[in-house]
């Protein structure tokens, strides 16, 4: 590109300006009104929408974690133990399932979750964890304490 004067050279922003603006307009394509067509307004709108999208991703993760904990807590309450006791018993047994897996088991595999809650309850009772609701050990789990009682 040949410039006939220094003023034209200074005013030229190069070929990248078109593509830079095009990128902003692509991101603003679904906006209403002038925010979609005016570059200055489009920049503000795109920046704001990207900011909200970043926050929304974090909020989505928090919402999912709360949902999983609610599902696990409800399923644990059905089997007579608390969420905290369930998690404590599972960690003492080295059953390292995350909240998402436990919530999936609670919804789609209730018998599997029941067996996990029985194991956690037994381990919590044998480990003297406070606030265990049931006074009796589950009969479906064979533990060291039950073997000693049978002998």
N, C-alpha and C. Protein backbone atom coordinates (compact mmCIF):
# COMPACT_ATOMS: atom_id res chain seq x y z
N UNK A 1 0.84 -1.16 0.00
CA UNK A 1 0.00 0.00 0.00
C UNK A 1 0.90 1.23 0.00
N UNK A 2 0.65 2.13 -0.91
CA UNK A 2 1.47 3.33 -1.05
C UNK A 2 0.71 4.52 -0.50
N UNK A 3 1.36 5.30 0.36
CA UNK A 3 0.75 6.49 0.95
C UNK A 3 1.40 7.71 0.33
N UNK A 4 0.56 8.64 -0.14
CA UNK A 4 1.08 9.83 -0.78
C UNK A 4 1.48 10.91 0.23
N UNK A 5 0.99 10.82 1.45
CA UNK A 5 1.36 11.82 2.45
C UNK A 5 1.49 11.15 3.81
N UNK A 6 2.13 11.83 4.75
CA UNK A 6 2.30 11.31 6.10
C UNK A 6 0.97 11.26 6.84
N UNK A 7 0.06 12.18 6.50
CA UNK A 7 -1.24 12.19 7.17
C UNK A 7 -2.04 10.94 6.84
N UNK A 8 -1.99 10.51 5.58
CA UNK A 8 -2.69 9.29 5.20
C UNK A 8 -2.06 8.06 5.86
N UNK A 9 -0.75 8.09 6.05
CA UNK A 9 -0.06 6.98 6.71
C UNK A 9 -0.52 6.86 8.17
N UNK A 10 -0.66 8.01 8.84
CA UNK A 10 -1.05 8.00 10.24
C UNK A 10 -2.50 7.53 10.39
N UNK A 11 -3.38 7.96 9.48
CA UNK A 11 -4.80 7.60 9.57
C UNK A 11 -5.05 6.13 9.25
N UNK A 12 -4.15 5.50 8.53
CA UNK A 12 -4.35 4.10 8.16
C UNK A 12 -4.10 3.20 9.36
N UNK A 13 -5.02 2.36 9.63
CA UNK A 13 -4.87 1.44 10.76
C UNK A 13 -4.50 0.04 10.28
N UNK A 14 -4.31 -0.13 9.04
CA UNK A 14 -3.88 -1.42 8.51
C UNK A 14 -5.05 -2.34 8.20
N UNK A 15 -4.75 -3.47 7.63
CA UNK A 15 -5.80 -4.41 7.22
C UNK A 15 -6.44 -5.14 8.40
N UNK A 16 -5.84 -5.08 9.57
CA UNK A 16 -6.37 -5.82 10.70
C UNK A 16 -7.64 -5.20 11.28
N UNK A 17 -7.86 -3.91 11.01
CA UNK A 17 -9.02 -3.25 11.59
C UNK A 17 -10.32 -3.91 11.14
N UNK A 18 -10.42 -4.26 9.86
CA UNK A 18 -11.62 -4.89 9.35
C UNK A 18 -11.91 -6.19 10.08
N UNK A 19 -10.89 -7.02 10.26
CA UNK A 19 -11.09 -8.33 10.87
C UNK A 19 -11.36 -8.20 12.37
N UNK A 20 -10.74 -7.21 13.01
CA UNK A 20 -10.98 -6.98 14.43
C UNK A 20 -12.44 -6.57 14.66
N UNK A 21 -12.92 -5.65 13.81
CA UNK A 21 -14.32 -5.22 13.92
C UNK A 21 -15.27 -6.36 13.58
N UNK A 22 -14.90 -7.14 12.60
CA UNK A 22 -15.75 -8.26 12.20
C UNK A 22 -15.90 -9.27 13.33
N UNK A 23 -14.82 -9.48 14.05
CA UNK A 23 -14.88 -10.42 15.17
C UNK A 23 -15.85 -9.91 16.26
N UNK A 24 -15.80 -8.63 16.54
CA UNK A 24 -16.71 -8.05 17.54
C UNK A 24 -18.15 -8.15 17.04
N UNK A 25 -18.37 -7.83 15.77
CA UNK A 25 -19.73 -7.88 15.23
C UNK A 25 -20.28 -9.32 15.20
N UNK A 26 -19.40 -10.30 15.00
CA UNK A 26 -19.85 -11.69 15.04
C UNK A 26 -20.35 -12.05 16.44
N UNK A 27 -19.63 -11.59 17.46
CA UNK A 27 -20.04 -11.87 18.83
C UNK A 27 -21.31 -11.11 19.20
N UNK A 28 -21.54 -9.96 18.54
CA UNK A 28 -22.72 -9.14 18.83
C UNK A 28 -23.88 -9.42 17.89
N UNK A 29 -23.81 -10.48 17.10
CA UNK A 29 -24.81 -10.73 16.07
C UNK A 29 -26.21 -10.98 16.64
N UNK A 30 -26.31 -11.50 17.84
CA UNK A 30 -27.63 -11.81 18.40
C UNK A 30 -28.19 -10.69 19.26
N UNK A 31 -27.50 -9.56 19.35
CA UNK A 31 -27.98 -8.44 20.14
C UNK A 31 -29.11 -7.71 19.40
N UNK A 32 -29.89 -6.93 20.16
CA UNK A 32 -30.97 -6.14 19.58
C UNK A 32 -30.49 -4.71 19.36
N UNK A 33 -31.07 -4.06 18.36
CA UNK A 33 -30.89 -2.62 18.15
C UNK A 33 -29.49 -2.22 17.72
N UNK A 34 -29.09 -1.04 18.19
CA UNK A 34 -27.81 -0.47 17.76
C UNK A 34 -26.62 -1.20 18.35
N UNK A 35 -26.83 -1.96 19.42
CA UNK A 35 -25.71 -2.69 20.01
C UNK A 35 -25.16 -3.74 19.04
N UNK A 36 -25.93 -4.07 18.05
CA UNK A 36 -25.48 -5.06 17.08
C UNK A 36 -24.79 -4.41 15.88
N UNK A 37 -25.12 -3.14 15.59
CA UNK A 37 -24.61 -2.51 14.37
C UNK A 37 -23.54 -1.44 14.61
N UNK A 38 -23.58 -0.76 15.73
CA UNK A 38 -22.61 0.30 16.02
C UNK A 38 -21.43 -0.29 16.76
N UNK A 39 -20.25 -0.05 16.23
CA UNK A 39 -19.05 -0.69 16.77
C UNK A 39 -18.80 -0.30 18.22
N UNK A 40 -18.94 0.96 18.55
CA UNK A 40 -18.67 1.42 19.90
C UNK A 40 -19.63 0.76 20.91
N UNK A 41 -20.90 0.67 20.55
CA UNK A 41 -21.87 0.03 21.42
C UNK A 41 -21.70 -1.49 21.44
N UNK A 42 -21.28 -2.03 20.30
CA UNK A 42 -21.08 -3.47 20.21
C UNK A 42 -19.94 -3.92 21.13
N UNK A 43 -18.87 -3.12 21.20
CA UNK A 43 -17.75 -3.46 22.06
C UNK A 43 -18.21 -3.53 23.52
N UNK A 44 -18.97 -2.53 23.95
CA UNK A 44 -19.46 -2.52 25.33
C UNK A 44 -20.36 -3.74 25.61
N UNK A 45 -21.25 -4.02 24.68
CA UNK A 45 -22.16 -5.15 24.87
C UNK A 45 -21.46 -6.49 24.88
N UNK A 46 -20.49 -6.67 23.99
CA UNK A 46 -19.74 -7.93 23.92
C UNK A 46 -18.93 -8.11 25.19
N UNK A 47 -18.26 -7.04 25.62
CA UNK A 47 -17.45 -7.13 26.84
C UNK A 47 -18.32 -7.52 28.03
N UNK A 48 -19.48 -6.91 28.13
CA UNK A 48 -20.38 -7.18 29.24
C UNK A 48 -20.93 -8.61 29.18
N UNK A 49 -21.28 -9.06 27.99
CA UNK A 49 -21.82 -10.41 27.86
C UNK A 49 -20.77 -11.47 28.17
N UNK A 50 -19.53 -11.22 27.77
CA UNK A 50 -18.46 -12.16 28.09
C UNK A 50 -18.19 -12.20 29.59
N UNK A 51 -18.32 -11.05 30.24
CA UNK A 51 -18.15 -10.99 31.68
C UNK A 51 -19.23 -11.81 32.39
N UNK A 52 -20.49 -11.65 31.95
CA UNK A 52 -21.58 -12.42 32.54
C UNK A 52 -21.43 -13.91 32.26
N UNK A 53 -20.92 -14.25 31.08
CA UNK A 53 -20.74 -15.66 30.74
C UNK A 53 -19.70 -16.30 31.67
N UNK A 54 -18.66 -15.55 32.01
CA UNK A 54 -17.64 -16.07 32.92
C UNK A 54 -18.24 -16.31 34.30
N UNK A 55 -19.02 -15.35 34.79
CA UNK A 55 -19.66 -15.51 36.10
C UNK A 55 -20.66 -16.66 36.08
N UNK A 56 -21.38 -16.79 34.97
CA UNK A 56 -22.41 -17.82 34.88
C UNK A 56 -21.81 -19.22 34.91
N UNK A 57 -20.63 -19.39 34.33
CA UNK A 57 -19.98 -20.70 34.37
C UNK A 57 -19.65 -21.08 35.81
N UNK A 58 -19.20 -20.12 36.60
CA UNK A 58 -18.90 -20.39 38.00
C UNK A 58 -20.18 -20.69 38.79
N UNK A 59 -21.24 -19.93 38.52
CA UNK A 59 -22.51 -20.17 39.22
C UNK A 59 -23.12 -21.52 38.85
N UNK A 60 -22.92 -21.92 37.60
CA UNK A 60 -23.44 -23.22 37.17
C UNK A 60 -22.77 -24.35 37.95
N UNK A 61 -21.46 -24.23 38.16
CA UNK A 61 -20.75 -25.25 38.93
C UNK A 61 -21.24 -25.29 40.37
N UNK A 62 -21.48 -24.13 40.96
CA UNK A 62 -21.99 -24.09 42.33
C UNK A 62 -23.39 -24.69 42.42
N UNK A 63 -24.23 -24.38 41.45
CA UNK A 63 -25.59 -24.92 41.44
C UNK A 63 -25.60 -26.44 41.32
N UNK A 64 -24.73 -26.96 40.46
CA UNK A 64 -24.67 -28.41 40.29
C UNK A 64 -24.18 -29.09 41.56
N UNK A 65 -23.20 -28.49 42.23
CA UNK A 65 -22.70 -29.07 43.48
C UNK A 65 -23.79 -29.09 44.54
N UNK A 66 -24.57 -28.01 44.64
CA UNK A 66 -25.68 -27.97 45.60
C UNK A 66 -26.74 -29.02 45.26
N UNK A 67 -27.02 -29.19 43.97
CA UNK A 67 -28.01 -30.19 43.55
C UNK A 67 -27.54 -31.60 43.93
N UNK A 68 -26.28 -31.91 43.67
CA UNK A 68 -25.74 -33.23 44.01
C UNK A 68 -25.82 -33.47 45.51
N UNK A 69 -25.44 -32.46 46.30
CA UNK A 69 -25.48 -32.63 47.76
C UNK A 69 -26.91 -32.81 48.26
N UNK A 70 -27.86 -32.11 47.65
CA UNK A 70 -29.26 -32.26 48.05
C UNK A 70 -29.75 -33.67 47.74
N UNK A 71 -29.41 -34.17 46.57
CA UNK A 71 -29.84 -35.52 46.19
C UNK A 71 -29.22 -36.58 47.11
N UNK A 72 -27.93 -36.43 47.42
CA UNK A 72 -27.27 -37.39 48.30
C UNK A 72 -27.87 -37.32 49.69
N UNK A 73 -28.12 -36.11 50.18
CA UNK A 73 -28.69 -35.94 51.51
C UNK A 73 -30.07 -36.57 51.60
N UNK A 74 -30.90 -36.36 50.57
CA UNK A 74 -32.25 -36.94 50.57
C UNK A 74 -32.20 -38.46 50.56
N UNK A 75 -31.30 -39.03 49.76
CA UNK A 75 -31.19 -40.49 49.70
C UNK A 75 -30.63 -41.04 51.00
N UNK A 76 -29.70 -40.34 51.62
CA UNK A 76 -29.14 -40.79 52.89
C UNK A 76 -30.19 -40.73 53.99
N UNK A 77 -31.03 -39.69 53.98
CA UNK A 77 -32.10 -39.58 54.98
C UNK A 77 -33.09 -40.74 54.85
N UNK A 78 -33.31 -41.23 53.64
CA UNK A 78 -34.19 -42.38 53.44
C UNK A 78 -33.65 -43.62 54.15
N UNK A 79 -32.31 -43.71 54.23
CA UNK A 79 -31.68 -44.89 54.83
C UNK A 79 -31.28 -44.64 56.29
N UNK A 80 -31.68 -43.50 56.84
CA UNK A 80 -31.51 -43.28 58.26
C UNK A 80 -30.17 -42.72 58.70
N UNK A 81 -29.39 -42.15 57.82
CA UNK A 81 -28.14 -41.51 58.22
C UNK A 81 -28.09 -40.11 57.61
N UNK A 82 -27.18 -39.31 58.11
CA UNK A 82 -27.04 -37.96 57.61
C UNK A 82 -25.99 -37.91 56.51
N UNK A 83 -25.99 -36.80 55.80
CA UNK A 83 -25.01 -36.61 54.71
C UNK A 83 -23.59 -36.64 55.26
N UNK A 84 -23.39 -35.97 56.38
CA UNK A 84 -22.05 -35.89 56.96
C UNK A 84 -21.56 -37.27 57.41
N UNK A 85 -22.44 -38.04 58.01
CA UNK A 85 -22.08 -39.38 58.46
C UNK A 85 -21.77 -40.28 57.27
N UNK A 86 -22.57 -40.16 56.23
CA UNK A 86 -22.33 -40.95 55.02
C UNK A 86 -20.96 -40.66 54.43
N UNK A 87 -20.64 -39.37 54.28
CA UNK A 87 -19.35 -39.01 53.69
C UNK A 87 -18.19 -39.43 54.60
N UNK A 88 -18.37 -39.28 55.91
CA UNK A 88 -17.32 -39.67 56.85
C UNK A 88 -17.09 -41.19 56.81
N UNK A 89 -18.17 -41.95 56.78
CA UNK A 89 -18.04 -43.41 56.72
C UNK A 89 -17.41 -43.89 55.42
N UNK A 90 -17.78 -43.25 54.32
CA UNK A 90 -17.19 -43.66 53.03
C UNK A 90 -15.71 -43.33 52.95
N UNK A 91 -15.32 -42.18 53.49
CA UNK A 91 -13.89 -41.84 53.46
C UNK A 91 -13.09 -42.74 54.38
N UNK A 92 -13.68 -43.16 55.52
CA UNK A 92 -12.96 -44.08 56.40
C UNK A 92 -12.81 -45.47 55.79
N UNK A 93 -13.72 -45.83 54.88
CA UNK A 93 -13.64 -47.11 54.18
C UNK A 93 -12.79 -47.03 52.91
N UNK A 94 -12.25 -45.85 52.63
CA UNK A 94 -11.50 -45.60 51.39
C UNK A 94 -12.35 -45.82 50.14
N UNK A 95 -13.62 -45.49 50.24
CA UNK A 95 -14.51 -45.47 49.07
C UNK A 95 -14.53 -44.02 48.62
N UNK A 96 -13.75 -43.72 47.61
CA UNK A 96 -13.53 -42.33 47.20
C UNK A 96 -14.38 -41.97 45.99
N UNK A 97 -15.68 -41.96 46.17
CA UNK A 97 -16.59 -41.53 45.11
C UNK A 97 -16.88 -40.06 45.29
N UNK A 98 -16.89 -39.32 44.19
CA UNK A 98 -17.20 -37.89 44.30
C UNK A 98 -18.71 -37.69 44.39
N UNK A 99 -19.10 -36.44 44.61
CA UNK A 99 -20.51 -36.12 44.82
C UNK A 99 -21.37 -36.41 43.59
N UNK A 100 -20.80 -36.17 42.43
CA UNK A 100 -21.55 -36.43 41.20
C UNK A 100 -21.87 -37.92 41.06
N UNK A 101 -20.90 -38.76 41.32
CA UNK A 101 -21.11 -40.21 41.22
C UNK A 101 -22.12 -40.69 42.25
N UNK A 102 -22.00 -40.17 43.48
CA UNK A 102 -22.94 -40.58 44.52
C UNK A 102 -24.36 -40.13 44.20
N UNK A 103 -24.50 -38.92 43.66
CA UNK A 103 -25.83 -38.43 43.29
C UNK A 103 -26.43 -39.27 42.16
N UNK A 104 -25.61 -39.66 41.21
CA UNK A 104 -26.09 -40.52 40.12
C UNK A 104 -26.53 -41.87 40.67
N UNK A 105 -25.74 -42.43 41.58
CA UNK A 105 -26.13 -43.71 42.18
C UNK A 105 -27.42 -43.56 42.99
N UNK A 106 -27.57 -42.45 43.70
CA UNK A 106 -28.76 -42.24 44.51
C UNK A 106 -30.03 -42.18 43.66
N UNK A 107 -29.91 -41.60 42.47
CA UNK A 107 -31.09 -41.45 41.61
C UNK A 107 -31.35 -42.71 40.80
N UNK A 108 -30.32 -43.26 40.17
CA UNK A 108 -30.52 -44.33 39.19
C UNK A 108 -30.24 -45.74 39.73
N UNK A 109 -29.46 -45.85 40.80
CA UNK A 109 -29.13 -47.16 41.37
C UNK A 109 -29.39 -47.15 42.87
N UNK A 110 -30.65 -47.14 43.30
CA UNK A 110 -30.93 -47.00 44.73
C UNK A 110 -30.41 -48.17 45.59
N UNK A 111 -30.39 -49.36 45.03
CA UNK A 111 -29.89 -50.51 45.81
C UNK A 111 -28.38 -50.40 46.03
N UNK A 112 -27.67 -49.95 45.04
CA UNK A 112 -26.23 -49.73 45.20
C UNK A 112 -25.97 -48.65 46.23
N UNK A 113 -26.75 -47.59 46.18
CA UNK A 113 -26.59 -46.52 47.17
C UNK A 113 -26.95 -47.02 48.56
N UNK A 114 -27.95 -47.88 48.65
CA UNK A 114 -28.32 -48.46 49.96
C UNK A 114 -27.17 -49.26 50.53
N UNK A 115 -26.51 -50.05 49.69
CA UNK A 115 -25.38 -50.84 50.20
C UNK A 115 -24.22 -49.92 50.61
N UNK A 116 -23.99 -48.86 49.86
CA UNK A 116 -22.95 -47.90 50.25
C UNK A 116 -23.29 -47.22 51.56
N UNK A 117 -24.55 -46.88 51.75
CA UNK A 117 -24.94 -46.22 53.00
C UNK A 117 -24.85 -47.19 54.18
N UNK A 118 -25.16 -48.47 53.95
CA UNK A 118 -24.99 -49.47 55.02
C UNK A 118 -23.53 -49.62 55.41
N UNK A 119 -22.66 -49.66 54.41
CA UNK A 119 -21.22 -49.76 54.68
C UNK A 119 -20.74 -48.54 55.46
N UNK A 120 -21.17 -47.36 55.03
CA UNK A 120 -20.75 -46.13 55.70
C UNK A 120 -21.29 -46.07 57.12
N UNK A 121 -22.53 -46.50 57.32
CA UNK A 121 -23.13 -46.49 58.65
C UNK A 121 -22.40 -47.45 59.58
N UNK A 122 -22.07 -48.65 59.08
CA UNK A 122 -21.33 -49.62 59.88
C UNK A 122 -19.97 -49.09 60.27
N UNK A 123 -19.27 -48.54 59.32
CA UNK A 123 -17.93 -48.00 59.61
C UNK A 123 -18.02 -46.84 60.58
N UNK A 124 -19.05 -46.01 60.44
CA UNK A 124 -19.21 -44.88 61.36
C UNK A 124 -19.49 -45.37 62.78
N UNK A 125 -20.29 -46.43 62.92
CA UNK A 125 -20.59 -46.95 64.26
C UNK A 125 -19.35 -47.58 64.88
N UNK A 126 -18.61 -48.34 64.08
CA UNK A 126 -17.41 -48.99 64.62
C UNK A 126 -16.31 -47.97 64.90
N UNK A 127 -16.33 -46.87 64.18
CA UNK A 127 -15.32 -45.83 64.37
C UNK A 127 -15.74 -44.77 65.37
N UNK A 128 -16.86 -44.99 66.07
CA UNK A 128 -17.38 -44.06 67.08
C UNK A 128 -17.56 -42.64 66.54
N UNK A 129 -18.16 -42.52 65.35
CA UNK A 129 -18.49 -41.21 64.81
C UNK A 129 -19.73 -40.71 65.53
N UNK A 130 -19.71 -39.44 65.92
CA UNK A 130 -20.85 -38.88 66.66
C UNK A 130 -22.04 -38.69 65.72
N UNK A 131 -23.21 -38.59 66.32
CA UNK A 131 -24.47 -38.27 65.63
C UNK A 131 -24.90 -39.34 64.62
N UNK A 132 -24.67 -40.61 64.92
CA UNK A 132 -25.19 -41.67 64.07
C UNK A 132 -26.59 -41.99 64.57
N UNK A 133 -27.59 -41.89 63.68
CA UNK A 133 -28.99 -41.97 64.09
C UNK A 133 -29.38 -43.39 64.54
N UNK A 134 -29.01 -44.40 63.77
CA UNK A 134 -29.43 -45.77 64.08
C UNK A 134 -28.61 -46.32 65.25
N UNK A 135 -29.26 -47.03 66.14
CA UNK A 135 -28.55 -47.66 67.25
C UNK A 135 -28.07 -49.06 66.89
N UNK A 136 -28.68 -49.68 65.89
CA UNK A 136 -28.30 -51.03 65.50
C UNK A 136 -27.45 -50.99 64.23
N UNK A 137 -26.55 -51.96 64.14
CA UNK A 137 -25.73 -52.07 62.94
C UNK A 137 -26.55 -52.70 61.83
N UNK A 138 -26.33 -52.31 60.57
CA UNK A 138 -27.03 -52.97 59.46
C UNK A 138 -26.64 -54.44 59.39
N UNK A 139 -27.62 -55.31 59.19
CA UNK A 139 -27.35 -56.76 59.17
C UNK A 139 -26.78 -57.22 57.83
N UNK A 140 -26.84 -56.36 56.81
CA UNK A 140 -26.37 -56.79 55.49
C UNK A 140 -24.87 -56.65 55.34
N UNK A 141 -24.21 -55.98 56.30
CA UNK A 141 -22.77 -55.76 56.22
C UNK A 141 -22.09 -56.61 57.26
N UNK A 142 -21.11 -57.41 56.83
CA UNK A 142 -20.33 -58.21 57.77
C UNK A 142 -19.07 -57.42 58.10
N UNK A 143 -18.94 -57.10 59.38
CA UNK A 143 -17.79 -56.32 59.82
C UNK A 143 -17.02 -57.10 60.88
N UNK A 144 -15.91 -56.54 61.28
CA UNK A 144 -15.09 -57.19 62.29
C UNK A 144 -15.85 -57.34 63.60
N UNK A 145 -16.66 -56.32 63.95
CA UNK A 145 -17.46 -56.40 65.17
C UNK A 145 -18.49 -57.51 65.13
N UNK A 146 -19.10 -57.73 63.96
CA UNK A 146 -20.10 -58.79 63.82
C UNK A 146 -19.45 -60.17 63.85
N UNK A 147 -18.24 -60.30 63.31
CA UNK A 147 -17.54 -61.60 63.33
C UNK A 147 -17.19 -61.96 64.76
N UNK A 148 -16.77 -60.95 65.54
CA UNK A 148 -16.44 -61.24 66.95
C UNK A 148 -17.67 -61.65 67.73
N UNK A 149 -18.84 -61.08 67.41
CA UNK A 149 -20.07 -61.44 68.09
C UNK A 149 -20.53 -62.85 67.74
N UNK A 150 -20.27 -63.28 66.46
CA UNK A 150 -20.69 -64.61 66.04
C UNK A 150 -19.86 -65.70 66.67
N UNK A 151 -18.61 -65.40 67.00
CA UNK A 151 -17.72 -66.43 67.59
C UNK A 151 -18.03 -66.69 69.01
